[in-house]
Amino acid sequence: MRLGHASGRWHHGRFGAPRGDAHPEGRQVSYDALVIGAGANGLVTAHYLARAGKHVLVVEQRHAADPSADIGWVPDVVIRDLGLARAGLRIEQPDPWITVPLAGGRGGGGTLELSRDIGRSVEAIRHISPSDAAKWPEFCNRMRTLAGVLERLYLVPPPDIESTDARELARIAGLGLYVRRRGKQTVIDLARILPMSITELLDDWFESDVLKGLLGALGIWHLKQGPRAGGTAFNFLHHHAGSPAGVFRPPRSNVTQALSALPGVEVRHGERANVLAPNGRATGVVLEKSGEEILAPLVVSSADPRSTLQPVAIELDPEFGRAVDNIKARGVVARGTLTLESTPAYSTLCIAPSLDYLEHAYDDAKYGRDSATPYVEVQKTDGRLELHVQYVPYTDGAANVQRHQALQLRVAQVLGAQPSQVKLHSPDEEELQHGSTEGHLYHGELTLDQILFMRPVPGWSRYRTPIEGLYLCGSGTHPGGGIPGAAGRNAAREML
């Protein structure tokens, strides 16, 4: 039995026997553990296993890491345990953290810039809404408290709701006590806000369309949902994890580069691997190019769960197979670059002028169309201007050159640029180049039915799979995407 990995979706024919002249009788080598994928989570898992004394090989199909994937909170415990600061880790902390154009109205044109300093942001908001400015500090502090609860949840495996083990029950009780100690308001906020839509949450607090638009954009980040969908308030808080109060965009870093600089783990680039699992037990991988078999009693995939497990999930367990098939990983984000003659002063430019604007952008995606007026962010990092464009739905290969050109034209119009200055990769291209199912960066949407003990699927949330010796450690597992290294650390601790 051979399983797939992050090379792509199973029906693209990327699983099965090696290609070309490769043959299963090729050279064999062995390790204590094999990790598929050299992204942040895969490398974190590999280094934790190596520090426990295991001989570890990481196999990565790409020749270089994707730097645009290093978005989100890198937990302090991972930085400390692996010595990432000494390895050159840089976490960007831009100030102001976001810039939003103002189109006339009370703002009189110009821009709204929000600072890492809450007081300075209050003064900026006061120009468009004195009422919203007065509420900003309390909103920031309340959201920070709730994000802190999530952070505590994210640094441990998800709760096992079926366990009767005293240690697991004590851990769950400890979390409840932690929340209770945050005060009555926090308990109420958790129960009330997590299932809300981001529209409901922001309408409770603010009146300014532009303020609600820039905040609401984080609630629909990488979701095929609009801001009026339930659970988008949770997605907003998820991506606030690790950020200081008053900063509502995830940080960017060079965490994958820093992890790659650490000694102790062997990495092979440019190799696509399939998992060997005779008789329901993982025994290693076979490399597609050479047919070389690499054996190990422990195989860990940081690929998305669908592409890893879909080829054999139904054979293993029909119910499990259906659950894997039903993982929502609906890619709706086009990523790319913007080229300008001079470097702009802003760190992040957000084009999301209102919640209604975001909802209308989603309306097109519901019917498989690219948004006529997309939500666009331009993020400046390491001298590049990177684009996040939503909604651009995955088409399963149905996209064509004309559609791509039309999208580039629309994005250029939104930004006031020329189409030649905009380079985009659709979710279809992301799937083809980087292997994530439907081009979803986080290997699965962060909806309420796909978090905690239901991620990636109910019953298999603690990094194990029905195949003995095969584990998952990628963004498709708890706690999800946008927190580089958390799933990798949790998975390694489960294995050890």
Protein backbone atom coordinates (compact mmCIF):
# COMPACT_ATOMS: atom_id res chain seq x y z
CA MET A 1 0.00 0.00 0.00
CA ARG A 2 1.31 3.41 -0.95
CA LEU A 3 -0.22 6.61 0.33
CA GLY A 4 0.09 10.12 -0.97
CA HIS A 5 1.50 13.22 0.64
CA ALA A 6 1.48 16.93 -0.04
CA SER A 7 2.22 16.52 -3.71
CA GLY A 8 -1.37 17.17 -4.63
CA ARG A 9 -4.82 15.70 -4.81
CA TRP A 10 -5.23 12.00 -5.31
CA HIS A 11 -7.21 12.25 -8.54
CA HIS A 12 -4.33 14.08 -10.19
CA GLY A 13 -2.55 10.75 -10.38
CA ARG A 14 0.29 11.67 -8.07
CA PHE A 15 0.09 8.61 -5.90
CA GLY A 16 0.99 5.02 -6.51
CA ALA A 17 4.05 3.49 -8.10
CA PRO A 18 7.19 5.55 -8.73
CA ARG A 19 7.54 7.12 -12.15
CA GLY A 20 9.99 6.66 -14.97
CA ASP A 21 12.67 4.01 -14.54
CA ALA A 22 12.29 3.85 -10.77
CA HIS A 23 11.59 0.47 -9.24
CA PRO A 24 10.83 -0.75 -5.72
CA GLU A 25 13.99 -2.82 -5.64
CA GLY A 26 16.17 0.32 -5.46
CA ARG A 27 18.59 1.24 -2.70
CA GLN A 28 17.30 1.17 0.87
CA VAL A 29 18.40 3.25 3.84
CA SER A 30 16.83 3.57 7.27
CA TYR A 31 16.18 6.22 9.91
CA ASP A 32 14.42 6.37 13.23
CA ALA A 33 11.87 8.83 11.87
CA LEU A 34 10.87 10.31 8.52
CA VAL A 35 9.10 13.64 8.17
CA ILE A 36 7.36 14.63 4.94
CA GLY A 37 7.45 18.37 4.31
CA ALA A 38 10.04 20.98 5.31
CA GLY A 39 7.65 23.74 6.28
CA ALA A 40 7.60 25.15 9.79
CA ASN A 41 5.55 22.37 11.38
CA GLY A 42 7.46 19.56 9.71
CA LEU A 43 10.82 21.01 10.74
CA VAL A 44 9.66 21.68 14.30
CA THR A 45 8.53 18.06 14.64
CA ALA A 46 11.81 16.85 13.17
CA HIS A 47 13.94 18.91 15.55
CA TYR A 48 11.99 17.87 18.64
CA LEU A 49 12.40 14.21 17.61
CA ALA A 50 16.11 14.74 16.91
CA ARG A 51 16.61 16.34 20.32
CA ALA A 52 15.07 13.22 21.81
CA GLY A 53 17.86 11.19 20.23
CA LYS A 54 16.23 10.04 17.01
CA HIS A 55 17.96 9.95 13.62
CA VAL A 56 15.58 12.02 11.46
CA LEU A 57 15.25 12.66 7.73
CA VAL A 58 12.96 15.33 6.27
CA VAL A 59 11.85 14.93 2.65
CA GLU A 60 10.56 18.04 0.84
CA GLN A 61 9.26 18.09 -2.74
CA ARG A 62 10.16 21.76 -3.30
CA HIS A 63 13.68 23.06 -3.77
CA ALA A 64 13.09 25.99 -1.41
CA ALA A 65 10.64 26.87 1.33
CA ASP A 66 7.64 29.11 0.64
CA PRO A 67 8.34 32.28 2.67
CA SER A 68 4.78 33.54 2.30
CA ALA A 69 3.62 30.65 4.49
CA ASP A 70 5.48 32.04 7.53
CA ILE A 71 2.55 34.12 8.71
CA GLY A 72 1.33 33.89 12.28
CA TRP A 73 2.34 33.55 15.90
CA VAL A 74 5.46 31.47 16.52
CA PRO A 75 4.96 30.27 20.11
CA ASP A 76 7.59 31.43 22.60
CA VAL A 77 8.06 27.88 23.85
CA VAL A 78 9.09 26.72 20.35
CA ILE A 79 11.51 29.64 20.00
CA ARG A 80 13.04 28.85 23.38
CA ASP A 81 13.16 25.04 23.09
CA LEU A 82 14.80 25.03 19.67
CA GLY A 83 17.01 28.11 20.08
CA LEU A 84 15.48 29.91 17.12
CA ALA A 85 16.67 33.33 18.23
CA ARG A 86 20.28 32.13 17.93
CA ALA A 87 19.43 30.66 14.53
CA GLY A 88 18.46 34.09 13.22
CA LEU A 89 14.71 34.21 13.77
CA ARG A 90 13.22 37.59 12.88
CA ILE A 91 9.63 38.50 13.70
CA GLU A 92 8.38 41.62 11.99
CA GLN A 93 6.65 44.20 14.18
CA PRO A 94 5.62 47.01 11.84
CA ASP A 95 4.19 50.22 13.23
CA PRO A 96 1.67 51.35 12.06
CA TRP A 97 0.51 47.79 11.53
CA ILE A 98 -2.16 48.65 8.95
CA THR A 99 -3.11 51.45 6.58
CA VAL A 100 -6.60 51.85 5.11
CA PRO A 101 -7.64 54.37 2.45
CA LEU A 102 -10.51 56.68 3.38
CA ALA A 103 -12.87 57.70 0.60
CA GLY A 104 -14.30 61.07 1.56
CA GLY A 105 -17.02 61.16 4.21
CA ARG A 106 -16.14 62.17 7.74
CA GLY A 107 -12.51 61.21 7.20
CA GLY A 108 -12.27 63.63 4.28
CA GLY A 109 -10.10 61.22 2.28
CA GLY A 110 -6.56 60.30 3.26
CA THR A 111 -5.84 57.15 5.25
CA LEU A 112 -6.53 55.56 8.60
CA GLU A 113 -3.37 54.16 10.21
CA LEU A 114 -3.57 51.99 13.30
CA SER A 115 -0.57 51.77 15.60
CA ARG A 116 0.79 49.18 17.99
CA ASP A 117 0.26 51.87 20.61
CA ILE A 118 -3.42 51.81 21.58
CA GLY A 119 -3.39 55.49 22.52
CA ARG A 120 -2.12 56.55 19.10
CA SER A 121 -4.76 54.39 17.43
CA VAL A 122 -7.43 56.05 19.55
CA GLU A 123 -6.37 59.44 18.20
CA ALA A 124 -6.41 58.13 14.62
CA ILE A 125 -9.87 56.60 15.01
CA ARG A 126 -11.20 59.77 16.64
CA HIS A 127 -11.01 61.53 13.25
CA ILE A 128 -13.57 59.14 11.76
CA SER A 129 -15.64 58.28 14.86
CA PRO A 130 -15.21 59.71 18.37
CA SER A 131 -17.56 57.01 19.66
CA ASP A 132 -15.44 54.20 18.20
CA ALA A 133 -12.27 55.81 19.52
CA ALA A 134 -13.67 55.74 23.06
CA LYS A 135 -14.45 52.02 22.77
CA TRP A 136 -11.16 50.97 21.15
CA PRO A 137 -9.09 50.32 24.33
CA GLU A 138 -11.72 48.10 25.95
CA PHE A 139 -12.31 46.19 22.71
CA CYS A 140 -8.58 45.57 22.32
CA ASN A 141 -8.18 44.34 25.89
CA ARG A 142 -11.23 42.07 25.77
CA MET A 143 -10.12 40.48 22.50
CA ARG A 144 -6.59 40.01 23.85
CA THR A 145 -7.95 38.15 26.88
CA LEU A 146 -9.98 35.81 24.67
CA ALA A 147 -7.03 35.21 22.34
CA GLY A 148 -4.96 34.37 25.42
CA VAL A 149 -7.40 31.58 26.28
CA LEU A 150 -6.97 30.18 22.77
CA GLU A 151 -3.19 30.38 23.10
CA ARG A 152 -3.34 28.15 26.16
CA LEU A 153 -5.50 25.67 24.24
CA TYR A 154 -3.17 25.72 21.26
CA LEU A 155 0.02 24.75 23.08
CA VAL A 156 -1.30 21.34 24.08
CA PRO A 157 -3.02 18.55 22.13
CA PRO A 158 -6.79 18.99 21.82
CA PRO A 159 -8.88 17.66 24.72
CA ASP A 160 -9.82 13.99 24.55
CA ILE A 161 -13.54 14.15 25.31
CA GLU A 162 -13.83 10.35 25.54
CA SER A 163 -10.99 9.85 27.99
CA THR A 164 -11.52 8.76 31.58
CA ASP A 165 -7.82 9.07 32.36
CA ALA A 166 -7.29 11.11 35.51
CA ARG A 167 -4.49 13.18 33.97
CA GLU A 168 -6.58 14.12 30.94
CA LEU A 169 -9.58 15.00 33.10
CA ALA A 170 -7.32 17.11 35.31
CA ARG A 171 -5.97 18.92 32.25
CA ILE A 172 -9.47 19.75 31.03
CA ALA A 173 -10.45 20.90 34.51
CA GLY A 174 -7.31 23.03 34.68
CA LEU A 175 -8.30 24.80 31.49
CA GLY A 176 -11.74 25.51 32.90
CA LEU A 177 -10.18 26.90 36.05
CA TYR A 178 -7.84 29.08 33.98
CA VAL A 179 -10.82 30.56 32.13
CA ARG A 180 -12.77 31.08 35.34
CA ARG A 181 -9.85 32.98 36.86
CA ARG A 182 -9.98 35.41 33.95
CA GLY A 183 -13.26 36.62 35.42
CA LYS A 184 -16.98 36.44 34.78
CA GLN A 185 -16.81 38.68 31.71
CA THR A 186 -14.34 36.35 30.00
CA VAL A 187 -16.57 33.33 30.60
CA ILE A 188 -19.52 35.21 29.12
CA ASP A 189 -17.47 36.48 26.19
CA LEU A 190 -16.21 33.00 25.30
CA ALA A 191 -19.68 31.47 25.35
CA ARG A 192 -21.20 34.33 23.41
CA ILE A 193 -18.54 35.43 20.94
CA LEU A 194 -16.95 32.24 19.60
CA PRO A 195 -20.04 31.12 17.62
CA MET A 196 -20.89 34.66 16.45
CA SER A 197 -20.32 36.13 13.03
CA ILE A 198 -17.65 38.79 12.83
CA THR A 199 -20.36 41.17 11.61
CA GLU A 200 -22.38 40.64 14.80
CA LEU A 201 -19.31 41.11 16.97
CA LEU A 202 -18.19 44.33 15.31
CA ASP A 203 -21.69 45.79 15.07
CA ASP A 204 -21.91 45.38 18.85
CA TRP A 205 -18.90 47.66 19.26
CA PHE A 206 -18.43 50.09 16.41
CA GLU A 207 -20.21 52.38 13.94
CA SER A 208 -17.44 53.15 11.43
CA ASP A 209 -17.65 51.11 8.23
CA VAL A 210 -13.94 51.42 7.54
CA LEU A 211 -12.94 50.24 11.02
CA LYS A 212 -15.34 47.31 10.85
CA GLY A 213 -14.13 46.45 7.36
CA LEU A 214 -10.44 46.22 8.25
CA LEU A 215 -11.21 44.17 11.37
CA GLY A 216 -13.81 42.01 9.65
CA ALA A 217 -11.32 41.01 6.96
CA LEU A 218 -9.42 39.01 9.58
CA GLY A 219 -12.60 37.10 10.41
CA ILE A 220 -12.93 35.74 6.87
CA TRP A 221 -9.19 35.13 6.40
CA HIS A 222 -8.83 31.98 4.23
CA LEU A 223 -12.50 31.02 4.66
CA LYS A 224 -15.05 30.38 1.95
CA GLN A 225 -17.52 32.28 4.07
CA GLY A 226 -18.64 35.86 4.31
CA PRO A 227 -18.49 38.07 7.40
CA ARG A 228 -22.11 37.26 8.26
CA ALA A 229 -21.36 33.54 8.69
CA GLY A 230 -21.40 32.07 12.18
CA GLY A 231 -17.99 31.24 13.60
CA THR A 232 -16.11 34.00 11.79
CA ALA A 233 -15.63 35.74 15.14
CA PHE A 234 -13.67 32.65 16.22
CA ASN A 235 -11.51 32.88 13.09
CA PHE A 236 -10.84 36.52 13.98
CA LEU A 237 -9.66 35.55 17.48
CA HIS A 238 -7.63 32.61 16.16
CA HIS A 239 -5.55 34.93 13.98
CA HIS A 240 -5.20 37.40 16.86
CA ALA A 241 -3.42 34.75 18.95
CA GLY A 242 0.12 35.81 19.82
CA SER A 243 -0.38 39.44 18.82
CA PRO A 244 -0.35 42.29 21.33
CA ALA A 245 -3.54 44.09 22.29
CA GLY A 246 -4.62 46.40 19.52
CA VAL A 247 -2.85 44.58 16.65
CA PHE A 248 -5.24 42.56 14.50
CA ARG A 249 -3.02 41.08 11.84
CA PRO A 250 -0.79 38.02 12.35
CA PRO A 251 2.96 38.67 12.41
CA ARG A 252 5.32 37.62 9.65
CA SER A 253 8.65 35.93 10.29
CA ASN A 254 11.45 33.91 8.73
CA VAL A 255 10.72 30.93 10.98
CA THR A 256 11.20 28.29 8.26
CA GLN A 257 14.57 29.78 7.34
CA ALA A 258 15.63 29.81 11.00
CA LEU A 259 14.53 26.20 11.46
CA SER A 260 16.44 25.19 8.34
CA ALA A 261 19.61 26.71 9.82
CA LEU A 262 19.47 24.48 12.89
CA PRO A 263 21.78 21.44 12.96
CA GLY A 264 20.74 17.91 13.82
CA VAL A 265 18.26 17.06 11.05
CA GLU A 266 18.95 15.89 7.50
CA VAL A 267 16.76 17.46 4.79
CA ARG A 268 16.39 16.32 1.19
CA HIS A 269 14.85 18.84 -1.20
CA GLY A 270 13.32 18.19 -4.60
CA GLU A 271 12.03 14.74 -3.70
CA ARG A 272 8.39 13.64 -3.71
CA ALA A 273 7.72 10.79 -1.31
CA ASN A 274 4.89 8.29 -0.96
CA VAL A 275 4.28 6.50 2.32
CA LEU A 276 4.81 2.75 2.41
CA ALA A 277 2.17 1.08 4.57
CA PRO A 278 1.96 -2.69 4.07
CA ASN A 279 -0.66 -4.40 6.22
CA GLY A 280 -1.83 -1.12 7.70
CA ARG A 281 1.54 -0.18 9.20
CA ALA A 282 3.81 2.63 8.00
CA THR A 283 7.31 1.34 7.31
CA GLY A 284 8.88 4.25 5.43
CA VAL A 285 8.58 6.10 2.13
CA VAL A 286 9.49 5.54 -1.49
CA LEU A 287 10.94 8.43 -3.50
CA GLU A 288 9.17 8.87 -6.82
CA LYS A 289 12.17 9.97 -8.89
CA SER A 290 14.63 7.26 -7.93
CA GLY A 291 12.45 4.53 -6.50
CA GLU A 292 14.65 4.58 -3.41
CA GLU A 293 12.95 3.19 -0.34
CA ILE A 294 13.74 4.85 2.98
CA LEU A 295 12.64 2.85 5.98
CA ALA A 296 11.60 4.09 9.41
CA PRO A 297 9.26 2.84 12.12
CA LEU A 298 7.88 6.37 12.50
CA VAL A 299 6.56 8.41 9.55
CA VAL A 300 5.19 11.91 10.07
CA SER A 301 3.41 13.93 7.39
CA SER A 302 3.10 17.70 7.56
CA ALA A 303 1.06 17.51 4.36
CA ASP A 304 -2.63 18.25 4.39
CA PRO A 305 -4.73 15.35 5.71
CA ARG A 306 -6.80 14.85 2.58
CA SER A 307 -3.89 14.35 0.21
CA THR A 308 -2.06 12.19 2.77
CA LEU A 309 -4.93 9.87 3.62
CA GLN A 310 -7.53 10.06 0.87
CA PRO A 311 -6.07 7.31 -1.36
CA VAL A 312 -6.66 4.61 1.27
CA ALA A 313 -9.00 6.13 3.84
CA ILE A 314 -12.11 4.31 2.60
CA GLU A 315 -10.23 0.99 2.57
CA LEU A 316 -9.17 1.50 6.18
CA ASP A 317 -12.54 2.53 7.57
CA PRO A 318 -15.53 3.74 5.52
CA GLU A 319 -16.63 6.20 8.20
CA PHE A 320 -13.11 7.58 8.51
CA GLY A 321 -12.86 7.78 4.73
CA ARG A 322 -16.04 9.83 4.48
CA ALA A 323 -14.77 12.16 7.19
CA VAL A 324 -11.50 12.70 5.30
CA ASP A 325 -13.39 13.32 2.05
CA ASN A 326 -15.53 15.93 3.80
CA ILE A 327 -12.68 18.04 5.21
CA LYS A 328 -13.39 21.56 3.99
CA ALA A 329 -10.27 23.01 2.39
CA ARG A 330 -11.91 25.31 -0.11
CA GLY A 331 -9.18 27.54 -1.45
CA VAL A 332 -10.37 31.11 -2.03
CA VAL A 333 -7.16 33.15 -1.77
CA ALA A 334 -4.90 34.15 -4.63
CA ARG A 335 -1.41 35.09 -3.52
CA GLY A 336 1.22 36.96 -5.44
CA THR A 337 3.34 40.08 -5.69
CA LEU A 338 2.94 43.73 -6.57
CA THR A 339 5.78 45.60 -8.28
CA LEU A 340 5.98 49.37 -7.80
CA GLU A 341 8.60 51.89 -8.92
CA SER A 342 9.22 52.99 -5.33
CA THR A 343 8.70 51.26 -1.99
CA PRO A 344 5.56 52.50 -0.25
CA ALA A 345 5.63 53.78 3.32
CA TYR A 346 2.91 51.44 4.58
CA SER A 347 3.56 47.98 6.03
CA THR A 348 0.13 46.57 5.18
CA LEU A 349 -2.44 48.23 2.94
CA CYS A 350 -5.98 46.89 3.38
CA ILE A 351 -8.74 47.32 0.79
CA ALA A 352 -11.88 46.28 2.67
CA PRO A 353 -13.90 49.46 3.11
CA SER A 354 -16.85 47.87 4.89
CA LEU A 355 -18.41 44.61 6.02
CA ASP A 356 -20.93 44.92 3.18
CA TYR A 357 -18.00 45.15 0.74
CA LEU A 358 -16.65 41.86 2.10
CA GLU A 359 -20.07 40.21 1.94
CA HIS A 360 -20.56 41.28 -1.68
CA ALA A 361 -17.09 39.96 -2.51
CA TYR A 362 -18.16 36.62 -1.04
CA ASP A 363 -21.42 36.60 -3.03
CA ASP A 364 -19.47 35.98 -6.24
CA ALA A 365 -17.47 33.13 -4.67
CA LYS A 366 -20.66 31.33 -3.61
CA TYR A 367 -21.35 30.72 -7.28
CA GLY A 368 -17.78 29.87 -8.24
CA ARG A 369 -16.90 33.31 -9.58
CA ASP A 370 -13.90 35.47 -8.75
CA SER A 371 -14.95 38.53 -6.77
CA ALA A 372 -15.75 41.49 -8.99
CA THR A 373 -14.54 43.75 -6.15
CA PRO A 374 -12.14 41.58 -4.12
CA TYR A 375 -10.75 42.13 -0.66
CA VAL A 376 -7.06 42.90 -1.21
CA GLU A 377 -4.14 43.32 1.16
CA VAL A 378 -0.62 44.36 0.22
CA GLN A 379 1.96 43.29 2.80
CA LYS A 380 5.51 44.61 2.72
CA THR A 381 8.12 42.09 3.86
CA ASP A 382 11.84 41.74 3.14
CA GLY A 383 11.63 44.22 0.30
CA ARG A 384 8.73 42.39 -1.37
CA LEU A 385 5.13 43.51 -1.72
CA GLU A 386 3.00 40.39 -1.26
CA LEU A 387 -0.65 40.21 -2.24
CA HIS A 388 -3.55 38.49 -0.50
CA VAL A 389 -6.64 38.51 -2.75
CA GLN A 390 -9.97 37.05 -1.61
CA TYR A 391 -12.25 35.65 -2.95
CA VAL A 392 -10.76 33.63 -5.81
CA PRO A 393 -12.41 30.21 -5.59
CA TYR A 394 -10.67 26.98 -6.54
CA THR A 395 -11.94 25.64 -9.87
CA ASP A 396 -10.45 22.13 -10.06
CA GLY A 397 -8.45 23.08 -13.13
CA ALA A 398 -11.28 24.90 -14.93
CA ALA A 399 -9.57 28.31 -14.76
CA ASN A 400 -8.13 29.68 -18.01
CA VAL A 401 -5.82 32.43 -19.19
CA GLN A 402 -8.68 34.87 -19.81
CA ARG A 403 -9.99 34.42 -16.27
CA HIS A 404 -6.52 34.94 -14.83
CA GLN A 405 -5.98 38.11 -16.84
CA ALA A 406 -9.38 39.45 -15.80
CA LEU A 407 -8.51 38.85 -12.15
CA GLN A 408 -5.18 40.67 -12.49
CA LEU A 409 -7.00 43.59 -14.11
CA ARG A 410 -9.55 43.80 -11.28
CA VAL A 411 -6.85 43.69 -8.60
CA ALA A 412 -4.85 46.34 -10.43
CA GLN A 413 -7.94 48.55 -10.61
CA VAL A 414 -8.59 48.15 -6.88
CA LEU A 415 -4.98 49.16 -6.14
CA GLY A 416 -4.73 51.89 -8.78
CA ALA A 417 -1.90 49.98 -10.46
CA GLN A 418 -1.20 48.57 -13.92
CA PRO A 419 -2.06 44.90 -14.64
CA SER A 420 1.59 44.27 -15.53
CA GLN A 421 2.53 45.18 -11.95
CA VAL A 422 0.34 42.42 -10.50
CA LYS A 423 1.43 38.77 -10.45
CA LEU A 424 -1.00 36.27 -8.91
CA HIS A 425 -1.20 32.55 -8.22
CA SER A 426 -4.72 31.16 -8.00
CA PRO A 427 -5.66 28.34 -5.61
CA ASP A 428 -5.41 25.94 -8.57
CA GLU A 429 -1.82 27.02 -9.15
CA GLU A 430 -1.08 26.81 -5.42
CA GLU A 431 -2.28 23.20 -5.44
CA LEU A 432 -0.18 22.36 -8.46
CA GLN A 433 3.00 24.06 -7.20
CA HIS A 434 2.84 23.52 -3.44
CA GLY A 435 0.62 20.47 -3.15
CA SER A 436 -2.01 21.72 -0.71
CA THR A 437 -5.48 20.40 -1.46
CA GLU A 438 -7.54 22.99 -3.37
CA GLY A 439 -4.70 25.44 -2.80
CA HIS A 440 -5.67 26.06 0.82
CA LEU A 441 -2.70 27.44 2.75
CA TYR A 442 -3.96 26.07 6.08
CA HIS A 443 -4.87 22.54 4.87
CA GLY A 444 -8.45 23.03 6.05
CA GLU A 445 -10.70 25.91 6.96
CA LEU A 446 -10.92 27.06 10.57
CA THR A 447 -14.66 26.64 10.92
CA LEU A 448 -16.28 25.57 14.20
CA ASP A 449 -16.73 22.01 12.93
CA GLN A 450 -13.00 21.74 12.10
CA ILE A 451 -11.25 22.87 15.27
CA LEU A 452 -9.97 21.32 18.52
CA PHE A 453 -10.95 17.63 18.82
CA MET A 454 -12.63 17.76 15.38
CA ARG A 455 -9.45 18.67 13.49
CA PRO A 456 -8.68 17.07 11.10
CA VAL A 457 -11.65 14.73 11.70
CA PRO A 458 -13.54 13.66 14.83
CA GLY A 459 -11.90 10.75 16.58
CA TRP A 460 -8.45 11.36 15.08
CA SER A 461 -7.51 14.77 16.42
CA ARG A 462 -4.34 13.91 18.31
CA TYR A 463 -1.96 13.55 15.37
CA ARG A 464 -2.41 9.78 14.99
CA THR A 465 -4.01 8.05 12.00
CA PRO A 466 -5.60 4.59 11.54
CA ILE A 467 -2.30 3.53 9.98
CA GLU A 468 0.02 2.40 12.75
CA GLY A 469 3.23 4.40 12.82
CA LEU A 470 1.87 7.24 10.63
CA TYR A 471 1.28 10.62 12.26
CA LEU A 472 0.17 14.03 11.02
CA CYS A 473 1.78 17.28 12.15
CA GLY A 474 0.71 19.96 9.67
CA SER A 475 -1.69 22.87 9.66
CA GLY A 476 -4.57 20.48 9.02
CA THR A 477 -4.24 19.31 12.62
CA HIS A 478 -4.84 21.16 15.89
CA PRO A 479 -4.48 24.10 16.36
CA GLY A 480 -4.66 24.86 12.64
CA GLY A 481 -2.93 27.21 10.27
CA GLY A 482 -1.43 30.56 11.09
CA ILE A 483 0.50 29.34 14.14
CA PRO A 484 3.80 28.05 12.71
CA GLY A 485 5.30 25.29 14.83
CA ALA A 486 2.46 24.71 17.31
CA ALA A 487 1.08 21.60 15.61
CA GLY A 488 4.61 20.34 15.01
CA ARG A 489 5.51 20.63 18.69
CA ASN A 490 2.25 19.08 19.88
CA ALA A 491 2.62 16.16 17.48
CA ALA A 492 6.22 15.47 18.52
CA ARG A 493 5.22 15.44 22.18
CA GLU A 494 2.48 12.92 21.42
CA MET A 495 4.99 10.64 19.68
CA LEU A 496 7.53 10.91 22.47
